Amino acid sequence: MKRRPALFRSSVDRILLEVQQVMRNKDYHRGMELLERAARLEPANTNILLHLGRIYGEHNDYATAERYFEQALRVSSNRTETLALIGDHCQNFHSLKLADKYLALAVQQKDVTPEILAEQAELCERLRRMEEASELVERALDLNRNCAPALLVAVRLERQAGRLEAAEKLLVAFPENALPLIRMRACYELGTVLDRQGRYDEAMAAFTKAKWIWRPFASGRIKELAAMRTRMNELFEKATADVLKQWFDFSPQLQPHYRLALLGGHPRSGTTLLEQVLDSHPDMVSAEEFEIFLDDAYGPLLRSRFNANAKTSNFELLNTSTPAELQKSRQAYFDSMELALGQPIGGRLLIDKNPSQTFLAPALIRIFPEVKFLVALRDPRDVVLSCYMQNFPTNPTGAAFLTLESGAAEYASLMGFWQTVASRMSNPHLEVRYEDMVEDLESVARKTLDFLGVAWDPKVLGFDEHARKKAVRSPTYADVTQPVYKRARGRWLNYQKYLEPHLEKLEPFVKAFGYE
């Protein structure tokens, strides 16, 4: 094959460096333009094509992502490896359907590795195809009895089948030479198994070990979280009641009027349960923790105005945005949402379930003055404990729960923010208690539908059946495919001695939300 001149090679390298820079700011459109230019220079470069597929997937354009992935496969020198990489990318941008397609092809290859088999087994478990998952685990362990990812899936299958002793036995013998993040996940699984058996001190030790394993990787995420909070606090401080009222009253200038509600609150407060209930209604459609508002509406609006106003605060950029600029952001949000959902929203009410966007309530009101707010509440002590026990993604939010102390501080920050914003806003808002949902789901569902202006439909009571037919993105995907259960209420009492030093920080919220 004729070698490409060095001039072209350096041009591609320069483009890829620029891609890295623009992607740090999540400037997807610029990143796509640059990568497409690189692909024209080197049309048989598998890595560039994979990168293009990934970036389009992150932008929720799954059809274009798939097209680039198919091109990458055609020029790839290692089909099995490329299929596995595509599966990884698809899982990272949360298209489980595409991930399933490519990993299913990967496990059919003659040179498939036990790790690839384990990855598809885990995806099958997530999609509730338990028998298939078990068969893939067996294949992986036949190739390597110490394949840690396969053993981890085997543990999950045993736990979900209620065979806790079998799951514990696998975990006790878990390979010590497994990669750190795999060992971390094994510790979370052990903690969950021990908790289910009522062995609370041992469970807490397992969860604490998981945090210890992750800690060396978390310093950068903690800094990111602090920077995010600083930016959000600036917006929060300037978004007074008068400002939020002006933004709310701006609604007639922004047409068409959308049916939109943010489902927020703190993680582990029942947002996933409430979302699945609402998504079961034929007049509603839910989006589960997409970053579309931040990536396609709020972020681009700020970037477009920041170029000409480099010293202007985010608040001023929002406050001085023109109707045309806001309209562009509104349209981009719904266009991207339909791409991500793979279906038109039409006249249905869109439920954007995203606890992390509770901090962005003022920006949401500015761009969508018609938005309603649903906020899930749960006993703050149960929330902080549950977050500590949860294997969150290794992102800035997850870093907030490395300790019970930092978890309590994060809870106070987010819910204190919500209390203040709720008192300032003119937008309709409703708080929904998790404990009320598990006690009397129908009453809570009727009240919530009435608030949203949606007629009653008994389908919402069959949310678990509905959830089994779709891919649930939340870490609690297995729980919402079951009927309502009450075992998670008051769990904090089993760990009271560990929470005791942090209860004073949570006490104001315990009182305010009626959990005394």
Protein backbone atom coordinates (compact mmCIF):
# COMPACT_ATOMS: atom_id res chain seq x y z
CA MET A 1 0.00 0.00 0.00
CA LYS A 2 1.34 3.43 -0.93
CA ARG A 3 2.39 5.44 2.15
CA ARG A 4 0.51 8.64 2.75
CA PRO A 5 2.74 11.75 2.62
CA ALA A 6 3.89 13.09 5.99
CA LEU A 7 1.99 16.31 5.31
CA PHE A 8 -1.32 14.45 5.44
CA ARG A 9 -0.26 12.49 8.51
CA SER A 10 0.60 15.67 10.40
CA SER A 11 -2.66 17.27 9.27
CA VAL A 12 -4.67 14.38 10.70
CA ASP A 13 -2.67 14.46 13.93
CA ARG A 14 -3.32 18.18 14.30
CA ILE A 15 -7.02 17.63 13.71
CA LEU A 16 -7.19 14.91 16.34
CA LEU A 17 -5.45 17.14 18.88
CA GLU A 18 -8.00 19.87 18.19
CA VAL A 19 -10.80 17.32 18.61
CA GLN A 20 -9.53 16.53 22.11
CA GLN A 21 -9.59 20.22 22.99
CA VAL A 22 -13.12 20.95 21.74
CA MET A 23 -14.52 17.78 23.30
CA ARG A 24 -13.37 18.85 26.74
CA ASN A 25 -16.00 21.57 26.36
CA LYS A 26 -18.54 19.11 24.91
CA ASP A 27 -18.62 21.05 21.64
CA TYR A 28 -19.99 18.06 19.74
CA HIS A 29 -20.74 19.84 16.47
CA ARG A 30 -17.20 21.18 16.12
CA GLY A 31 -15.82 17.76 17.07
CA MET A 32 -17.92 16.09 14.38
CA GLU A 33 -16.75 18.56 11.73
CA LEU A 34 -13.10 17.98 12.60
CA LEU A 35 -13.37 14.20 12.68
CA GLU A 36 -15.23 14.09 9.39
CA ARG A 37 -12.40 16.14 7.85
CA ALA A 38 -9.90 13.63 9.27
CA ALA A 39 -11.96 10.74 7.85
CA ARG A 40 -11.83 12.30 4.39
CA LEU A 41 -8.04 12.43 4.64
CA GLU A 42 -7.80 8.84 5.91
CA PRO A 43 -11.00 6.99 4.93
CA ALA A 44 -9.60 3.60 6.01
CA ASN A 45 -8.55 4.73 9.50
CA THR A 46 -10.53 2.48 11.83
CA ASN A 47 -9.83 4.59 14.91
CA ILE A 48 -11.15 7.77 13.33
CA LEU A 49 -14.32 5.99 12.19
CA LEU A 50 -14.82 4.51 15.66
CA HIS A 51 -14.28 7.94 17.19
CA LEU A 52 -16.87 9.41 14.84
CA GLY A 53 -19.35 6.71 15.75
CA ARG A 54 -18.77 7.34 19.43
CA ILE A 55 -19.15 11.12 19.20
CA TYR A 56 -22.39 10.85 17.18
CA GLY A 57 -23.64 8.34 19.73
CA GLU A 58 -22.82 10.71 22.58
CA HIS A 59 -24.83 13.29 20.66
CA ASN A 60 -27.73 10.80 20.59
CA ASP A 61 -27.64 10.40 16.79
CA TYR A 62 -27.55 6.62 16.92
CA ALA A 63 -28.32 6.11 13.22
CA THR A 64 -25.25 8.08 12.13
CA ALA A 65 -23.17 6.42 14.84
CA GLU A 66 -24.15 3.02 13.48
CA ARG A 67 -23.24 4.08 9.95
CA TYR A 68 -19.70 5.00 11.01
CA PHE A 69 -19.37 1.83 13.07
CA GLU A 70 -20.29 -0.22 10.00
CA GLN A 71 -17.64 1.62 7.98
CA ALA A 72 -15.08 0.89 10.71
CA LEU A 73 -15.95 -2.81 10.56
CA ARG A 74 -15.46 -2.89 6.78
CA VAL A 75 -11.88 -1.58 7.01
CA SER A 76 -10.90 -3.22 10.31
CA SER A 77 -8.04 -5.70 10.42
CA ASN A 78 -9.42 -7.33 13.59
CA ARG A 79 -13.18 -7.83 13.38
CA THR A 80 -13.64 -9.31 16.86
CA GLU A 81 -11.74 -6.55 18.61
CA THR A 82 -13.56 -3.86 16.64
CA LEU A 83 -16.97 -5.37 17.42
CA ALA A 84 -16.09 -5.37 21.12
CA LEU A 85 -14.88 -1.75 20.97
CA ILE A 86 -18.11 -0.71 19.28
CA GLY A 87 -20.07 -2.52 21.99
CA ASP A 88 -18.10 -0.61 24.63
CA HIS A 89 -18.78 2.72 22.94
CA CYS A 90 -22.50 1.96 22.64
CA GLN A 91 -22.74 1.10 26.33
CA ASN A 92 -20.86 4.28 27.25
CA PHE A 93 -23.40 6.42 25.40
CA HIS A 94 -26.23 4.25 26.76
CA SER A 95 -27.58 2.68 23.59
CA LEU A 96 -28.09 -0.80 24.96
CA LYS A 97 -29.86 -1.85 21.76
CA LEU A 98 -26.80 -1.08 19.61
CA ALA A 99 -24.44 -2.55 22.21
CA ASP A 100 -26.45 -5.76 22.16
CA LYS A 101 -26.26 -5.92 18.35
CA TYR A 102 -22.48 -5.62 18.16
CA LEU A 103 -21.58 -7.68 21.20
CA ALA A 104 -23.89 -10.45 20.00
CA LEU A 105 -21.85 -10.52 16.79
CA ALA A 106 -18.59 -10.42 18.75
CA VAL A 107 -19.42 -13.51 20.82
CA GLN A 108 -20.04 -15.47 17.60
CA GLN A 109 -16.44 -14.98 16.42
CA LYS A 110 -14.02 -17.91 16.64
CA ASP A 111 -11.37 -15.82 18.45
CA VAL A 112 -13.74 -14.36 21.04
CA THR A 113 -12.16 -13.75 24.43
CA PRO A 114 -13.66 -14.60 27.83
CA GLU A 115 -13.80 -10.87 28.60
CA ILE A 116 -16.00 -10.20 25.56
CA LEU A 117 -18.26 -13.09 26.52
CA ALA A 118 -18.52 -11.64 30.02
CA GLU A 119 -19.41 -8.19 28.69
CA GLN A 120 -22.27 -9.58 26.62
CA ALA A 121 -23.37 -11.72 29.58
CA GLU A 122 -23.60 -8.61 31.74
CA LEU A 123 -25.63 -6.83 29.07
CA CYS A 124 -28.00 -9.81 28.80
CA GLU A 125 -28.45 -9.77 32.58
CA ARG A 126 -29.29 -6.08 32.39
CA LEU A 127 -31.81 -6.79 29.63
CA ARG A 128 -33.34 -9.54 31.77
CA ARG A 129 -32.21 -12.40 29.48
CA MET A 130 -30.98 -14.47 32.41
CA GLU A 131 -30.65 -17.84 30.70
CA GLU A 132 -28.59 -16.38 27.89
CA ALA A 133 -26.42 -14.52 30.40
CA SER A 134 -25.77 -17.74 32.30
CA GLU A 135 -24.75 -19.59 29.12
CA LEU A 136 -22.30 -16.83 28.20
CA VAL A 137 -20.78 -16.90 31.69
CA GLU A 138 -20.23 -20.64 31.36
CA ARG A 139 -18.51 -20.14 27.99
CA ALA A 140 -16.26 -17.46 29.45
CA LEU A 141 -15.30 -19.56 32.48
CA ASP A 142 -14.62 -22.57 30.25
CA LEU A 143 -11.96 -20.44 28.55
CA ASN A 144 -10.65 -18.95 31.82
CA ARG A 145 -11.88 -20.12 35.22
CA ASN A 146 -10.51 -16.94 36.81
CA CYS A 147 -12.08 -14.45 34.40
CA ALA A 148 -13.06 -11.79 36.93
CA PRO A 149 -15.71 -9.99 34.80
CA ALA A 150 -17.47 -13.34 34.16
CA LEU A 151 -17.35 -14.24 37.85
CA LEU A 152 -18.88 -10.85 38.65
CA VAL A 153 -21.82 -11.55 36.33
CA ALA A 154 -22.19 -15.00 37.92
CA VAL A 155 -22.45 -13.28 41.32
CA ARG A 156 -25.18 -10.95 40.09
CA LEU A 157 -27.15 -13.85 38.62
CA GLU A 158 -26.94 -15.77 41.90
CA ARG A 159 -27.93 -12.71 43.94
CA GLN A 160 -30.91 -11.86 41.78
CA ALA A 161 -32.07 -15.48 41.97
CA GLY A 162 -31.98 -15.22 45.76
CA ARG A 163 -29.04 -17.62 46.15
CA LEU A 164 -27.11 -15.37 48.52
CA GLU A 165 -24.83 -18.03 49.95
CA ALA A 166 -23.73 -19.10 46.47
CA ALA A 167 -23.06 -15.46 45.56
CA GLU A 168 -21.02 -14.93 48.72
CA LYS A 169 -18.97 -18.05 48.05
CA LEU A 170 -17.98 -16.72 44.63
CA LEU A 171 -17.07 -13.33 46.11
CA VAL A 172 -14.94 -14.73 48.92
CA ALA A 173 -12.82 -16.53 46.31
CA PHE A 174 -12.78 -13.54 43.92
CA PRO A 175 -9.40 -13.12 42.14
CA GLU A 176 -7.18 -10.66 43.99
CA ASN A 177 -5.32 -9.85 40.78
CA ALA A 178 -8.44 -8.50 39.07
CA LEU A 179 -8.33 -4.93 37.81
CA PRO A 180 -9.03 -2.36 40.56
CA LEU A 181 -12.43 -1.25 39.24
CA ILE A 182 -13.53 -4.88 38.89
CA ARG A 183 -12.44 -5.57 42.49
CA MET A 184 -14.33 -2.45 43.53
CA ARG A 185 -17.51 -3.75 41.93
CA ALA A 186 -17.01 -7.10 43.64
CA CYS A 187 -16.83 -5.31 46.99
CA TYR A 188 -20.12 -3.53 46.28
CA GLU A 189 -21.69 -6.87 45.39
CA LEU A 190 -20.38 -8.44 48.60
CA GLY A 191 -21.76 -5.55 50.63
CA THR A 192 -25.19 -5.97 48.99
CA VAL A 193 -25.20 -9.74 49.62
CA LEU A 194 -24.20 -9.29 53.26
CA ASP A 195 -26.80 -6.55 53.76
CA ARG A 196 -29.53 -8.85 52.42
CA GLN A 197 -28.43 -11.42 55.02
CA GLY A 198 -28.60 -8.92 57.88
CA ARG A 199 -24.83 -8.89 58.43
CA TYR A 200 -24.60 -5.13 58.56
CA ASP A 201 -21.14 -4.56 60.04
CA GLU A 202 -19.60 -6.90 57.46
CA ALA A 203 -21.59 -5.18 54.72
CA MET A 204 -20.33 -1.76 55.78
CA ALA A 205 -16.77 -3.06 55.75
CA ALA A 206 -17.24 -4.29 52.17
CA PHE A 207 -18.69 -0.97 51.00
CA THR A 208 -15.87 0.93 52.71
CA LYS A 209 -13.30 -1.26 50.95
CA ALA A 210 -14.93 -0.46 47.62
CA LYS A 211 -14.50 3.26 48.35
CA TRP A 212 -10.88 2.68 49.34
CA ILE A 213 -10.16 1.00 46.00
CA TRP A 214 -11.72 3.88 44.06
CA ARG A 215 -10.15 6.70 46.07
CA PRO A 216 -6.86 6.92 44.06
CA PHE A 217 -8.89 7.50 40.88
CA ALA A 218 -11.24 10.09 42.37
CA SER A 219 -9.15 13.22 42.96
CA GLY A 220 -9.78 14.67 39.50
CA ARG A 221 -13.50 13.96 39.76
CA ILE A 222 -13.69 15.71 43.13
CA LYS A 223 -12.11 18.82 41.59
CA GLU A 224 -14.58 18.68 38.69
CA LEU A 225 -17.46 18.47 41.16
CA ALA A 226 -16.19 21.49 43.09
CA ALA A 227 -15.88 23.52 39.87
CA MET A 228 -19.40 22.53 38.80
CA ARG A 229 -20.84 23.57 42.14
CA THR A 230 -19.05 26.94 41.98
CA ARG A 231 -20.59 27.71 38.58
CA MET A 232 -24.04 26.59 39.68
CA ASN A 233 -23.90 28.56 42.93
CA GLU A 234 -23.14 31.74 41.00
CA LEU A 235 -26.24 31.22 38.88
CA PHE A 236 -28.25 30.28 41.97
CA GLU A 237 -27.28 33.41 43.90
CA LYS A 238 -28.31 35.78 41.09
CA ALA A 239 -31.52 33.97 40.17
CA THR A 240 -33.68 35.81 42.69
CA ALA A 241 -37.43 35.43 43.01
CA ASP A 242 -37.91 38.54 40.86
CA VAL A 243 -35.61 37.18 38.16
CA LEU A 244 -37.28 33.77 38.11
CA LYS A 245 -40.67 35.47 37.90
CA GLN A 246 -39.48 37.52 34.90
CA TRP A 247 -38.18 34.38 33.22
CA PHE A 248 -41.43 32.53 33.95
CA ASP A 249 -43.47 35.43 32.52
CA PHE A 250 -41.34 35.33 29.35
CA SER A 251 -43.19 32.20 28.25
CA PRO A 252 -45.57 33.86 25.71
CA GLN A 253 -42.56 35.00 23.69
CA LEU A 254 -41.34 31.42 23.26
CA GLN A 255 -43.55 29.29 21.07
CA PRO A 256 -44.60 26.57 20.61
CA HIS A 257 -45.47 25.78 24.20
CA TYR A 258 -44.00 22.39 25.18
CA ARG A 259 -45.34 19.87 27.65
CA LEU A 260 -42.29 19.28 29.81
CA ALA A 261 -41.54 18.31 33.40
CA LEU A 262 -38.22 17.79 35.17
CA LEU A 263 -38.19 14.83 37.52
CA GLY A 264 -35.45 15.72 39.96
CA GLY A 265 -34.44 15.47 43.57
CA HIS A 266 -31.49 13.66 45.08
CA PRO A 267 -30.22 10.37 43.61
CA ARG A 268 -31.65 7.31 45.38
CA SER A 269 -34.83 9.14 46.39
CA GLY A 270 -37.25 7.13 44.25
CA THR A 271 -36.84 9.00 40.97
CA THR A 272 -36.51 5.78 38.95
CA LEU A 273 -39.64 4.25 40.46
CA LEU A 274 -41.67 7.41 39.82
CA GLU A 275 -40.29 7.70 36.29
CA GLN A 276 -41.30 4.16 35.38
CA VAL A 277 -44.78 4.75 36.78
CA LEU A 278 -45.20 7.86 34.62
CA ASP A 279 -43.62 6.31 31.53
CA SER A 280 -46.30 3.60 31.66
CA HIS A 281 -48.91 6.24 30.79
CA PRO A 282 -49.69 6.48 27.03
CA ASP A 283 -49.83 10.30 27.16
CA MET A 284 -46.29 10.59 28.56
CA VAL A 285 -42.78 9.60 27.55
CA SER A 286 -39.77 9.66 29.84
CA ALA A 287 -36.09 10.33 29.20
CA GLU A 288 -33.87 8.65 31.74
CA GLU A 289 -30.80 10.66 32.76
CA PHE A 290 -29.76 11.94 29.37
CA GLU A 291 -27.48 14.99 29.48
CA ILE A 292 -29.37 16.57 26.61
CA PHE A 293 -30.41 19.78 28.36
CA LEU A 294 -26.82 20.46 29.39
CA ASP A 295 -25.19 19.32 26.14
CA ASP A 296 -27.66 20.54 23.50
CA ALA A 297 -29.55 23.46 25.01
CA TYR A 298 -27.81 25.18 27.95
CA GLY A 299 -24.17 24.52 27.01
CA PRO A 300 -24.41 25.59 23.34
CA LEU A 301 -26.39 28.69 24.29
CA LEU A 302 -23.63 29.79 26.66
CA ARG A 303 -20.85 28.96 24.19
CA SER A 304 -22.48 30.87 21.35
CA ARG A 305 -22.81 33.98 23.49
CA PHE A 306 -19.55 33.55 25.41
CA ASN A 307 -17.47 33.98 22.24
CA ALA A 308 -18.50 37.61 22.07
CA ASN A 309 -18.87 38.16 25.82
CA ALA A 310 -15.79 36.48 27.30
CA LYS A 311 -15.98 38.27 30.65
CA THR A 312 -19.73 37.93 31.14
CA SER A 313 -21.11 35.56 33.80
CA ASN A 314 -23.32 32.60 32.94
CA PHE A 315 -26.21 34.38 34.62
CA GLU A 316 -25.81 37.48 32.44
CA LEU A 317 -25.49 35.36 29.31
CA LEU A 318 -28.76 33.64 30.16
CA ASN A 319 -30.54 36.77 31.28
CA THR A 320 -29.70 38.71 28.11
CA SER A 321 -30.41 35.87 25.65
CA THR A 322 -32.75 36.87 22.85
CA PRO A 323 -35.98 35.02 22.00
CA ALA A 324 -34.31 33.73 18.81
CA GLU A 325 -31.38 32.30 20.77
CA LEU A 326 -33.66 30.67 23.31
CA GLN A 327 -35.84 29.25 20.53
CA LYS A 328 -32.78 27.64 18.96
CA SER A 329 -31.90 25.96 22.25
CA ARG A 330 -35.47 24.77 22.78
CA GLN A 331 -35.63 23.21 19.33
CA ALA A 332 -32.20 21.60 19.68
CA TYR A 333 -33.26 20.05 22.99
CA PHE A 334 -36.39 18.39 21.57
CA ASP A 335 -34.65 17.37 18.34
CA SER A 336 -31.90 15.62 20.30
CA MET A 337 -34.42 14.12 22.71
CA GLU A 338 -36.33 12.50 19.85
CA LEU A 339 -33.07 11.13 18.44
CA ALA A 340 -32.16 9.68 21.82
CA LEU A 341 -35.60 8.19 22.43
CA GLY A 342 -35.83 6.85 18.90
CA GLN A 343 -39.41 8.06 18.55
CA PRO A 344 -41.34 11.29 18.04
CA ILE A 345 -42.61 12.96 21.19
CA GLY A 346 -45.56 14.55 19.43
CA GLY A 347 -48.07 16.05 21.83
CA ARG A 348 -47.10 13.83 24.74
CA LEU A 349 -45.76 15.18 28.02
CA LEU A 350 -42.00 14.67 28.24
CA ILE A 351 -40.65 13.67 31.65
CA ASP A 352 -36.94 14.48 31.82
CA LYS A 353 -35.80 12.33 34.76
CA ASN A 354 -32.47 13.68 35.87
CA PRO A 355 -31.61 14.28 39.55
CA SER A 356 -28.33 15.98 38.63
CA GLN A 357 -30.25 18.69 36.76
CA THR A 358 -32.01 19.83 39.93
CA PHE A 359 -29.05 22.20 40.27
CA LEU A 360 -29.88 23.58 36.81
CA ALA A 361 -33.47 24.54 37.66
CA PRO A 362 -32.90 28.29 37.05
CA ALA A 363 -31.40 27.65 33.60
CA LEU A 364 -34.23 25.27 32.77
CA ILE A 365 -36.78 27.95 33.69
CA ARG A 366 -35.01 30.48 31.47
CA ILE A 367 -35.04 28.26 28.38
CA PHE A 368 -38.36 26.48 29.14
CA PRO A 369 -40.50 28.84 31.24
CA GLU A 370 -43.43 26.40 30.91
CA VAL A 371 -41.57 23.56 32.69
CA LYS A 372 -43.08 21.87 35.75
CA PHE A 373 -40.97 20.34 38.49
CA LEU A 374 -41.48 16.97 40.14
CA VAL A 375 -39.07 16.32 43.01
CA ALA A 376 -38.74 12.94 44.68
CA LEU A 377 -38.23 12.91 48.44
CA ARG A 378 -37.08 10.12 50.73
CA ASP A 379 -35.83 9.98 54.30
CA PRO A 380 -32.47 11.82 54.02
CA ARG A 381 -30.76 9.22 56.20
CA ASP A 382 -31.86 6.41 53.87
CA VAL A 383 -30.78 8.48 50.86
CA VAL A 384 -27.25 9.11 52.11
CA LEU A 385 -26.80 5.49 53.17
CA SER A 386 -28.18 4.21 49.86
CA CYS A 387 -25.84 6.48 47.90
CA TYR A 388 -22.89 5.20 49.92
CA MET A 389 -23.91 1.60 49.16
CA GLN A 390 -24.44 2.29 45.45
CA ASN A 391 -21.85 1.57 42.78
CA PHE A 392 -22.21 4.91 41.01
CA PRO A 393 -20.31 5.57 37.78
CA THR A 394 -16.82 6.94 38.37
CA ASN A 395 -17.91 10.51 37.63
CA PRO A 396 -18.02 13.75 39.68
CA THR A 397 -21.39 12.90 41.25
CA GLY A 398 -20.15 9.47 42.28
CA ALA A 399 -17.09 11.06 43.86
CA ALA A 400 -19.36 12.93 46.28
CA PHE A 401 -20.17 9.64 48.03
CA LEU A 402 -16.69 8.37 48.83
CA THR A 403 -17.51 8.87 52.52
CA LEU A 404 -20.69 9.22 54.55
CA GLU A 405 -19.49 12.67 55.57
CA SER A 406 -19.11 13.94 52.01
CA GLY A 407 -22.37 12.21 51.06
CA ALA A 408 -24.26 14.06 53.80
CA ALA A 409 -22.67 17.34 52.65
CA GLU A 410 -23.72 16.66 49.05
CA TYR A 411 -27.27 15.91 50.14
CA ALA A 412 -27.43 19.15 52.15
CA SER A 413 -26.06 21.10 49.20
CA LEU A 414 -28.52 19.75 46.62
CA MET A 415 -31.64 19.67 48.75
CA GLY A 416 -30.84 23.00 50.36
CA PHE A 417 -30.57 24.41 46.83
CA TRP A 418 -33.94 22.89 45.95
CA GLN A 419 -35.65 24.31 49.03
CA THR A 420 -34.47 27.82 48.19
CA VAL A 421 -35.25 27.63 44.46
CA ALA A 422 -38.69 26.16 45.18
CA SER A 423 -39.45 29.14 47.42
CA ARG A 424 -38.41 31.56 44.67
CA MET A 425 -39.89 30.03 41.53
CA SER A 426 -43.30 30.72 40.02
CA ASN A 427 -43.32 27.43 38.14
CA PRO A 428 -45.64 24.68 39.41
CA HIS A 429 -43.82 22.10 41.51
CA LEU A 430 -44.75 18.99 43.44
CA GLU A 431 -42.76 16.94 45.95
CA VAL A 432 -43.45 13.19 45.94
CA ARG A 433 -42.37 11.03 48.86
CA TYR A 434 -40.93 7.60 48.11
CA GLU A 435 -42.43 6.17 51.29
CA ASP A 436 -45.91 7.29 50.18
CA MET A 437 -45.40 5.62 46.82
CA VAL A 438 -44.56 2.23 48.30
CA GLU A 439 -47.41 2.52 50.82
CA ASP A 440 -50.18 3.61 48.44
CA LEU A 441 -49.00 3.86 44.85
CA GLU A 442 -52.41 4.57 43.36
CA SER A 443 -53.09 7.62 45.53
CA VAL A 444 -49.66 9.10 44.77
CA ALA A 445 -50.01 8.33 41.06
CA ARG A 446 -53.42 10.03 40.91
CA LYS A 447 -52.10 13.12 42.69
CA THR A 448 -49.07 13.29 40.40
CA LEU A 449 -51.07 12.86 37.20
CA ASP A 450 -53.49 15.55 38.35
CA PHE A 451 -50.56 17.91 38.96
CA LEU A 452 -49.21 17.17 35.48
CA GLY A 453 -52.63 17.73 33.88
CA VAL A 454 -52.87 14.15 32.62
CA ALA A 455 -55.93 11.92 32.85
CA TRP A 456 -55.89 8.83 35.05
CA ASP A 457 -54.88 5.56 33.41
CA PRO A 458 -54.59 2.28 35.36
CA LYS A 459 -51.60 1.26 33.23
CA VAL A 460 -49.38 3.25 35.59
CA LEU A 461 -49.96 0.66 38.30
CA GLY A 462 -48.37 -1.98 36.07
CA PHE A 463 -45.09 -0.10 35.86
CA ASP A 464 -43.04 -3.22 36.64
CA GLU A 465 -44.42 -5.07 33.63
CA HIS A 466 -43.79 -2.00 31.49
CA ALA A 467 -40.21 -1.71 32.79
CA ARG A 468 -39.45 -5.32 31.85
CA LYS A 469 -40.13 -4.44 28.22
CA LYS A 470 -37.55 -1.66 28.00
CA ALA A 471 -33.90 -1.03 28.75
CA VAL A 472 -33.71 0.90 32.03
CA ARG A 473 -30.53 2.97 32.31
CA SER A 474 -30.56 3.49 36.08
CA PRO A 475 -28.37 1.32 38.36
CA THR A 476 -31.66 0.24 39.99
CA TYR A 477 -32.87 -1.37 36.73
CA ALA A 478 -33.46 -4.73 38.45
CA ASP A 479 -35.54 -3.22 41.27
CA VAL A 480 -38.07 -1.40 39.06
CA THR A 481 -38.92 -4.60 37.21
CA GLN A 482 -40.44 -5.88 40.47
CA PRO A 483 -43.73 -4.84 42.09
CA VAL A 484 -43.48 -2.21 44.81
CA TYR A 485 -41.59 -3.45 47.88
CA LYS A 486 -40.97 -1.86 51.29
CA ARG A 487 -37.68 -3.38 52.42
CA ALA A 488 -35.68 -0.20 51.69
CA ARG A 489 -37.65 1.95 54.17
CA GLY A 490 -35.79 2.72 57.38
CA ARG A 491 -32.67 0.82 56.28
CA TRP A 492 -30.52 3.51 57.86
CA LEU A 493 -31.44 2.21 61.32
CA ASN A 494 -29.33 -0.89 60.61
CA TYR A 495 -26.32 1.39 60.13
CA GLN A 496 -27.20 4.10 62.66
CA LYS A 497 -23.86 4.00 64.46
CA TYR A 498 -22.04 4.76 61.20
CA LEU A 499 -24.39 7.61 60.31
CA GLU A 500 -24.48 9.09 63.81
CA PRO A 501 -21.61 11.60 63.28
CA HIS A 502 -23.41 13.06 60.25
CA LEU A 503 -27.01 13.17 61.44
CA GLU A 504 -26.76 16.77 62.63
CA LYS A 505 -26.10 17.90 59.05
CA LEU A 506 -29.17 15.99 57.86
CA GLU A 507 -31.48 16.94 60.72
CA PRO A 508 -32.88 20.16 59.13
CA PHE A 509 -34.01 18.14 56.11
CA VAL A 510 -35.39 15.31 58.24
CA LYS A 511 -37.62 17.90 59.91
CA ALA A 512 -38.47 19.91 56.78
CA PHE A 513 -39.55 16.84 54.82
CA GLY A 514 -41.50 15.28 57.70
CA TYR A 515 -39.27 12.33 58.64
CA GLU A 516 -38.96 12.98 62.38
